Every structure is written in C-alpha cells, then in structure tokens.
C-alpha cells in the first residue's frame, strides 16, 4: 500500500520535477542552517553552549535546571561552544568525530580544543561544512584550526565561522 501511494505521488509530481529525498538530504539541510540534533546535544552541552542561552529566562524564580545552569563549570568562559567550520581549501574534507587543534599544535589529545559533532558536503556551497564544539568558540570566528582525524588519517585546516552557513538572515524563508 505504501509503495503504491509513493508511486502515485511521484507520477503526479513528475511534471513539476519532483524527486525523492531522504534522511541524508534532511541532515545536510539542517547542518547548512545550523540546526541541532542529538549529535550536538549529548548530555554535556548547555543551552548557552549551543547558542540558545538567551532562551533561558533570567527572570523566572525557579525552573528545572536553573540551579545547575548557574554552576561555575557550566558557565566558564572556556567552555566548548558550537561553531561552524569550513575548510580553507574547499577540496578538503571534514568528518564528524574529528578533533580540533590550534594551528601548529602537535596532533595529540593533550592539545585537543574540541570536536566535530556533524559534518557533510554542502551542494549549495560546493564544499564540506561542519558543526563543532570548540573551547571559547564564539570568540574565535575567523580563526583557523586543524581538524585532526587520526582514524581517517587526515588533517584539514578549517576556518571557524558562525554555525548558520546558508541564508543566516532567513531572507529566503520570508522571501
């Protein structure tokens, strides 16, 4: 039954250029827009780390998580914050799970500055992009880091940028 419905939809939409897409396409779209999923919220990330700090009310007397959200360890200036990454050389690749190092730092876990939570090739931009968590990340836009993937055997120099890669002002959305 489901296949028959899908076939009918595809046939009806063929004149309009309809095409099938799946979860990978949705994943690329959400990374391009800087939207978070379970890959970013792993139990260690606070709303502020992910760029949602302004959504946590400072005026409410009490709410679940308020006391915990004010602890020093969760408000320290050098906490990992979500950022975007784009390779300096656009033919280079970035893979989820890779670690971030300062340029010139020896590749080791002692020099680890953060990690890539999600990565993909953006057809819109024509190169790889990634969401990552980096120490003091929002203060470091424009800086370069080395994306170190020991398992994949690669090191890619990337620029730290805002995590919304496509249409940051949402003009296309409101177009």
C-alpha atoms as a PDB file:
ATOM      1  CA  UNK A   1       0.000   0.000   0.000  1.00  0.00           C
ATOM      2  CA  UNK A   2       2.739   2.484   0.986  1.00  0.00           C
ATOM      3  CA  UNK A   3       4.700   1.805  -2.175  1.00  0.00           C
ATOM      4  CA  UNK A   4       1.584   2.385  -4.317  1.00  0.00           C
ATOM      5  CA  UNK A   5       0.999   5.759  -2.630  1.00  0.00           C
ATOM      6  CA  UNK A   6       4.647   6.762  -3.121  1.00  0.00           C
ATOM      7  CA  UNK A   7       4.489   5.730  -6.795  1.00  0.00           C
ATOM      8  CA  UNK A   8       1.282   7.746  -7.327  1.00  0.00           C
ATOM      9  CA  UNK A   9       2.840  10.835  -5.720  1.00  0.00           C
ATOM     10  CA  UNK A  10       5.974  10.532  -7.863  1.00  0.00           C
ATOM     11  CA  UNK A  11       3.910  10.075 -11.038  1.00  0.00           C
ATOM     12  CA  UNK A  12       1.660  13.039 -10.262  1.00  0.00           C
ATOM     13  CA  UNK A  13       4.638  15.253  -9.421  1.00  0.00           C
ATOM     14  CA  UNK A  14       6.845  14.239 -12.352  1.00  0.00           C
ATOM     15  CA  UNK A  15       5.596  17.148 -14.463  1.00  0.00           C
ATOM     16  CA  UNK A  16       6.773  19.502 -11.708  1.00  0.00           C
ATOM     17  CA  UNK A  17      10.250  17.957 -11.306  1.00  0.00           C
ATOM     18  CA  UNK A  18       9.502  16.134  -8.056  1.00  0.00           C
ATOM     19  CA  UNK A  19      12.281  13.953  -6.700  1.00  0.00           C
ATOM     20  CA  UNK A  20      12.684  11.682  -3.732  1.00  0.00           C
ATOM     21  CA  UNK A  21      14.935  12.661  -0.866  1.00  0.00           C
ATOM     22  CA  UNK A  22      15.786  11.003   2.384  1.00  0.00           C
ATOM     23  CA  UNK A  23      17.369  11.448   5.764  1.00  0.00           C
ATOM     24  CA  UNK A  24      20.791  12.396   4.397  1.00  0.00           C
ATOM     25  CA  UNK A  25      19.281  15.304   2.464  1.00  0.00           C
ATOM     26  CA  UNK A  26      17.468  16.450   5.601  1.00  0.00           C
ATOM     27  CA  UNK A  27      20.735  16.180   7.561  1.00  0.00           C
ATOM     28  CA  UNK A  28      22.560  18.355   5.008  1.00  0.00           C
ATOM     29  CA  UNK A  29      19.787  20.971   5.151  1.00  0.00           C
ATOM     30  CA  UNK A  30      19.841  21.133   8.942  1.00  0.00           C
ATOM     31  CA  UNK A  31      23.653  21.460   9.069  1.00  0.00           C
ATOM     32  CA  UNK A  32      23.545  24.239   6.446  1.00  0.00           C
ATOM     33  CA  UNK A  33      21.083  26.117   8.692  1.00  0.00           C
ATOM     34  CA  UNK A  34      22.949  25.342  11.935  1.00  0.00           C
ATOM     35  CA  UNK A  35      20.086  23.319  13.404  1.00  0.00           C
ATOM     36  CA  UNK A  36      20.999  20.947  16.210  1.00  0.00           C
ATOM     37  CA  UNK A  37      20.020  17.323  16.836  1.00  0.00           C
ATOM     38  CA  UNK A  38      21.109  14.562  19.175  1.00  0.00           C
ATOM     39  CA  UNK A  39      24.577  14.800  17.595  1.00  0.00           C
ATOM     40  CA  UNK A  40      25.005  18.188  19.263  1.00  0.00           C
ATOM     41  CA  UNK A  41      23.055  17.600  22.487  1.00  0.00           C
ATOM     42  CA  UNK A  42      24.953  14.732  24.047  1.00  0.00           C
ATOM     43  CA  UNK A  43      24.286  15.381  27.742  1.00  0.00           C
ATOM     44  CA  UNK A  44      27.290  17.668  28.281  1.00  0.00           C
ATOM     45  CA  UNK A  45      26.004  20.624  26.276  1.00  0.00           C
ATOM     46  CA  UNK A  46      24.121  23.501  27.886  1.00  0.00           C
ATOM     47  CA  UNK A  47      21.686  25.766  26.019  1.00  0.00           C
ATOM     48  CA  UNK A  48      24.343  28.507  26.025  1.00  0.00           C
ATOM     49  CA  UNK A  49      26.974  26.164  24.558  1.00  0.00           C
ATOM     50  CA  UNK A  50      24.664  25.559  21.593  1.00  0.00           C
ATOM     51  CA  UNK A  51      23.880  29.271  21.173  1.00  0.00           C
ATOM     52  CA  UNK A  52      20.485  29.161  22.886  1.00  0.00           C
ATOM     53  CA  UNK A  53      21.441  30.911  26.138  1.00  0.00           C
ATOM     54  CA  UNK A  54      19.020  33.779  25.518  1.00  0.00           C
ATOM     55  CA  UNK A  55      16.123  31.294  25.647  1.00  0.00           C
ATOM     56  CA  UNK A  56      16.817  30.501  29.322  1.00  0.00           C
ATOM     57  CA  UNK A  57      14.943  33.021  31.438  1.00  0.00           C
ATOM     58  CA  UNK A  58      16.940  35.015  33.968  1.00  0.00           C
ATOM     59  CA  UNK A  59      13.706  36.479  35.392  1.00  0.00           C
ATOM     60  CA  UNK A  60      11.929  33.278  36.429  1.00  0.00           C
ATOM     61  CA  UNK A  61      12.367  32.429  40.099  1.00  0.00           C
ATOM     62  CA  UNK A  62      12.796  28.743  39.536  1.00  0.00           C
ATOM     63  CA  UNK A  63      12.650  26.144  36.805  1.00  0.00           C
ATOM     64  CA  UNK A  64      14.062  22.688  36.251  1.00  0.00           C
ATOM     65  CA  UNK A  65      17.791  23.040  35.682  1.00  0.00           C
ATOM     66  CA  UNK A  66      18.133  26.650  36.919  1.00  0.00           C
ATOM     67  CA  UNK A  67      20.461  25.895  39.848  1.00  0.00           C
ATOM     68  CA  UNK A  68      22.619  23.612  37.748  1.00  0.00           C
ATOM     69  CA  UNK A  69      22.826  26.166  34.926  1.00  0.00           C
ATOM     70  CA  UNK A  70      24.496  28.693  37.230  1.00  0.00           C
ATOM     71  CA  UNK A  71      27.337  26.429  38.398  1.00  0.00           C
ATOM     72  CA  UNK A  72      30.815  27.645  37.526  1.00  0.00           C
ATOM     73  CA  UNK A  73      31.715  24.565  35.480  1.00  0.00           C
ATOM     74  CA  UNK A  74      28.722  25.190  33.234  1.00  0.00           C
ATOM     75  CA  UNK A  75      29.345  28.916  32.824  1.00  0.00           C
ATOM     76  CA  UNK A  76      33.160  29.036  32.483  1.00  0.00           C
ATOM     77  CA  UNK A  77      34.438  31.270  29.679  1.00  0.00           C
ATOM     78  CA  UNK A  78      36.490  28.481  28.096  1.00  0.00           C
ATOM     79  CA  UNK A  79      33.585  26.019  27.729  1.00  0.00           C
ATOM     80  CA  UNK A  80      33.159  24.413  24.355  1.00  0.00           C
ATOM     81  CA  UNK A  81      30.656  26.348  22.267  1.00  0.00           C
ATOM     82  CA  UNK A  82      29.030  25.402  18.981  1.00  0.00           C
ATOM     83  CA  UNK A  83      30.632  26.913  15.888  1.00  0.00           C
ATOM     84  CA  UNK A  84      30.675  26.306  12.171  1.00  0.00           C
ATOM     85  CA  UNK A  85      33.726  25.058  10.280  1.00  0.00           C
ATOM     86  CA  UNK A  86      34.555  25.369   6.609  1.00  0.00           C
ATOM     87  CA  UNK A  87      37.746  24.019   5.030  1.00  0.00           C
ATOM     88  CA  UNK A  88      40.233  26.659   3.879  1.00  0.00           C
ATOM     89  CA  UNK A  89      40.939  24.519   0.805  1.00  0.00           C
ATOM     90  CA  UNK A  90      37.467  23.629  -0.439  1.00  0.00           C
ATOM     91  CA  UNK A  91      38.535  20.265  -1.867  1.00  0.00           C
ATOM     92  CA  UNK A  92      39.427  19.051   1.644  1.00  0.00           C
ATOM     93  CA  UNK A  93      37.025  17.024   3.772  1.00  0.00           C
ATOM     94  CA  UNK A  94      35.799  17.281   7.354  1.00  0.00           C
ATOM     95  CA  UNK A  95      34.428  14.240   9.160  1.00  0.00           C
ATOM     96  CA  UNK A  96      32.242  14.013  12.260  1.00  0.00           C
ATOM     97  CA  UNK A  97      34.198  12.862  15.292  1.00  0.00           C
ATOM     98  CA  UNK A  98      37.429  14.614  14.294  1.00  0.00           C
ATOM     99  CA  UNK A  99      39.252  16.673  16.916  1.00  0.00           C
ATOM    100  CA  UNK A 100      40.202  20.341  16.706  1.00  0.00           C
ATOM    101  CA  UNK A 101      43.710  21.643  17.320  1.00  0.00           C
ATOM    102  CA  UNK A 102      45.287  25.086  17.207  1.00  0.00           C
ATOM    103  CA  UNK A 103      47.331  25.615  14.067  1.00  0.00           C
ATOM    104  CA  UNK A 104      50.892  24.454  14.678  1.00  0.00           C
ATOM    105  CA  UNK A 105      49.977  22.350  17.728  1.00  0.00           C
ATOM    106  CA  UNK A 106      51.218  18.764  17.833  1.00  0.00           C
ATOM    107  CA  UNK A 107      48.439  16.317  16.981  1.00  0.00           C
ATOM    108  CA  UNK A 108      47.586  14.760  20.342  1.00  0.00           C
ATOM    109  CA  UNK A 109      44.665  14.554  22.719  1.00  0.00           C
ATOM    110  CA  UNK A 110      46.600  16.832  25.130  1.00  0.00           C
ATOM    111  CA  UNK A 111      46.227  19.658  22.595  1.00  0.00           C
ATOM    112  CA  UNK A 112      42.555  18.923  21.910  1.00  0.00           C
ATOM    113  CA  UNK A 113      40.446  22.111  21.594  1.00  0.00           C
ATOM    114  CA  UNK A 114      37.140  20.481  20.656  1.00  0.00           C
ATOM    115  CA  UNK A 115      35.422  18.106  18.255  1.00  0.00           C
ATOM    116  CA  UNK A 116      33.262  17.946  15.138  1.00  0.00           C
ATOM    117  CA  UNK A 117      29.712  16.883  16.007  1.00  0.00           C
ATOM    118  CA  UNK A 118      28.208  16.859  12.481  1.00  0.00           C
ATOM    119  CA  UNK A 119      29.664  17.232   9.001  1.00  0.00           C
ATOM    120  CA  UNK A 120      28.515  16.949   5.404  1.00  0.00           C
ATOM    121  CA  UNK A 121      29.178  18.075   1.855  1.00  0.00           C
ATOM    122  CA  UNK A 122      27.005  21.100   1.089  1.00  0.00           C
ATOM    123  CA  UNK A 123      25.772  21.069  -2.520  1.00  0.00           C
ATOM    124  CA  UNK A 124      24.653  24.679  -2.009  1.00  0.00           C
ATOM    125  CA  UNK A 125      28.158  25.867  -1.085  1.00  0.00           C
ATOM    126  CA  UNK A 126      30.115  23.293  -3.091  1.00  0.00           C
ATOM    127  CA  UNK A 127      32.307  22.105  -0.211  1.00  0.00           C
ATOM    128  CA  UNK A 128      32.230  20.384   3.158  1.00  0.00           C
ATOM    129  CA  UNK A 129      30.859  22.160   6.220  1.00  0.00           C
ATOM    130  CA  UNK A 130      30.624  21.118   9.851  1.00  0.00           C
ATOM    131  CA  UNK A 131      29.143  21.932  13.221  1.00  0.00           C
ATOM    132  CA  UNK A 132      31.652  21.613  16.037  1.00  0.00           C
ATOM    133  CA  UNK A 133      32.212  22.366  19.693  1.00  0.00           C
ATOM    134  CA  UNK A 134      35.318  24.430  20.391  1.00  0.00           C
ATOM    135  CA  UNK A 135      36.761  25.993  23.546  1.00  0.00           C
ATOM    136  CA  UNK A 136      35.620  29.649  23.656  1.00  0.00           C
ATOM    137  CA  UNK A 137      34.294  29.052  20.156  1.00  0.00           C
ATOM    138  CA  UNK A 138      32.165  32.150  19.584  1.00  0.00           C
ATOM    139  CA  UNK A 139      35.139  34.399  20.379  1.00  0.00           C
ATOM    140  CA  UNK A 140      37.219  32.665  17.712  1.00  0.00           C
ATOM    141  CA  UNK A 141      35.271  33.334  14.490  1.00  0.00           C
ATOM    142  CA  UNK A 142      37.743  33.896  11.653  1.00  0.00           C
ATOM    143  CA  UNK A 143      40.498  31.903  13.350  1.00  0.00           C
ATOM    144  CA  UNK A 144      41.869  28.755  11.729  1.00  0.00           C
ATOM    145  CA  UNK A 145      42.063  25.347  13.374  1.00  0.00           C
ATOM    146  CA  UNK A 146      43.318  21.953  12.300  1.00  0.00           C
ATOM    147  CA  UNK A 147      40.618  19.307  12.010  1.00  0.00           C
ATOM    148  CA  UNK A 148      42.503  16.182  13.081  1.00  0.00           C
ATOM    149  CA  UNK A 149      41.015  12.819  12.144  1.00  0.00           C
ATOM    150  CA  UNK A 150      43.535  10.246  13.302  1.00  0.00           C
ATOM    151  CA  UNK A 151      41.320   7.280  12.374  1.00  0.00           C
ATOM    152  CA  UNK A 152      40.784   8.622   8.860  1.00  0.00           C
ATOM    153  CA  UNK A 153      44.406   9.700   8.606  1.00  0.00           C
ATOM    154  CA  UNK A 154      43.716  13.317   7.689  1.00  0.00           C
ATOM    155  CA  UNK A 155      44.384  16.841   8.872  1.00  0.00           C
ATOM    156  CA  UNK A 156      42.384  19.681   7.333  1.00  0.00           C
ATOM    157  CA  UNK A 157      42.811  23.381   8.037  1.00  0.00           C
ATOM    158  CA  UNK A 158      39.412  24.969   8.600  1.00  0.00           C
ATOM    159  CA  UNK A 159      38.093  28.433   9.361  1.00  0.00           C
ATOM    160  CA  UNK A 160      35.887  28.916  12.411  1.00  0.00           C
ATOM    161  CA  UNK A 161      32.639  30.640  11.474  1.00  0.00           C
ATOM    162  CA  UNK A 162      29.041  31.163  12.531  1.00  0.00           C
ATOM    163  CA  UNK A 163      27.145  27.841  12.529  1.00  0.00           C
ATOM    164  CA  UNK A 164      24.483  29.055  10.056  1.00  0.00           C
ATOM    165  CA  UNK A 165      26.016  28.636   6.594  1.00  0.00           C
ATOM    166  CA  UNK A 166      23.052  29.278   4.295  1.00  0.00           C
ATOM    167  CA  UNK A 167      20.707  32.270   4.495  1.00  0.00           C
ATOM    168  CA  UNK A 168      21.623  33.407   8.030  1.00  0.00           C
ATOM    169  CA  UNK A 169      19.090  36.252   7.870  1.00  0.00           C
ATOM    170  CA  UNK A 170      16.304  33.897   6.751  1.00  0.00           C
ATOM    171  CA  UNK A 171      15.503  36.142   3.780  1.00  0.00           C
ATOM    172  CA  UNK A 172      14.789  33.142   1.566  1.00  0.00           C
ATOM    173  CA  UNK A 173      12.418  31.788   4.178  1.00  0.00           C
ATOM    174  CA  UNK A 174      10.463  35.026   4.259  1.00  0.00           C
ATOM    175  CA  UNK A 175      11.031  35.712   0.520  1.00  0.00           C
END
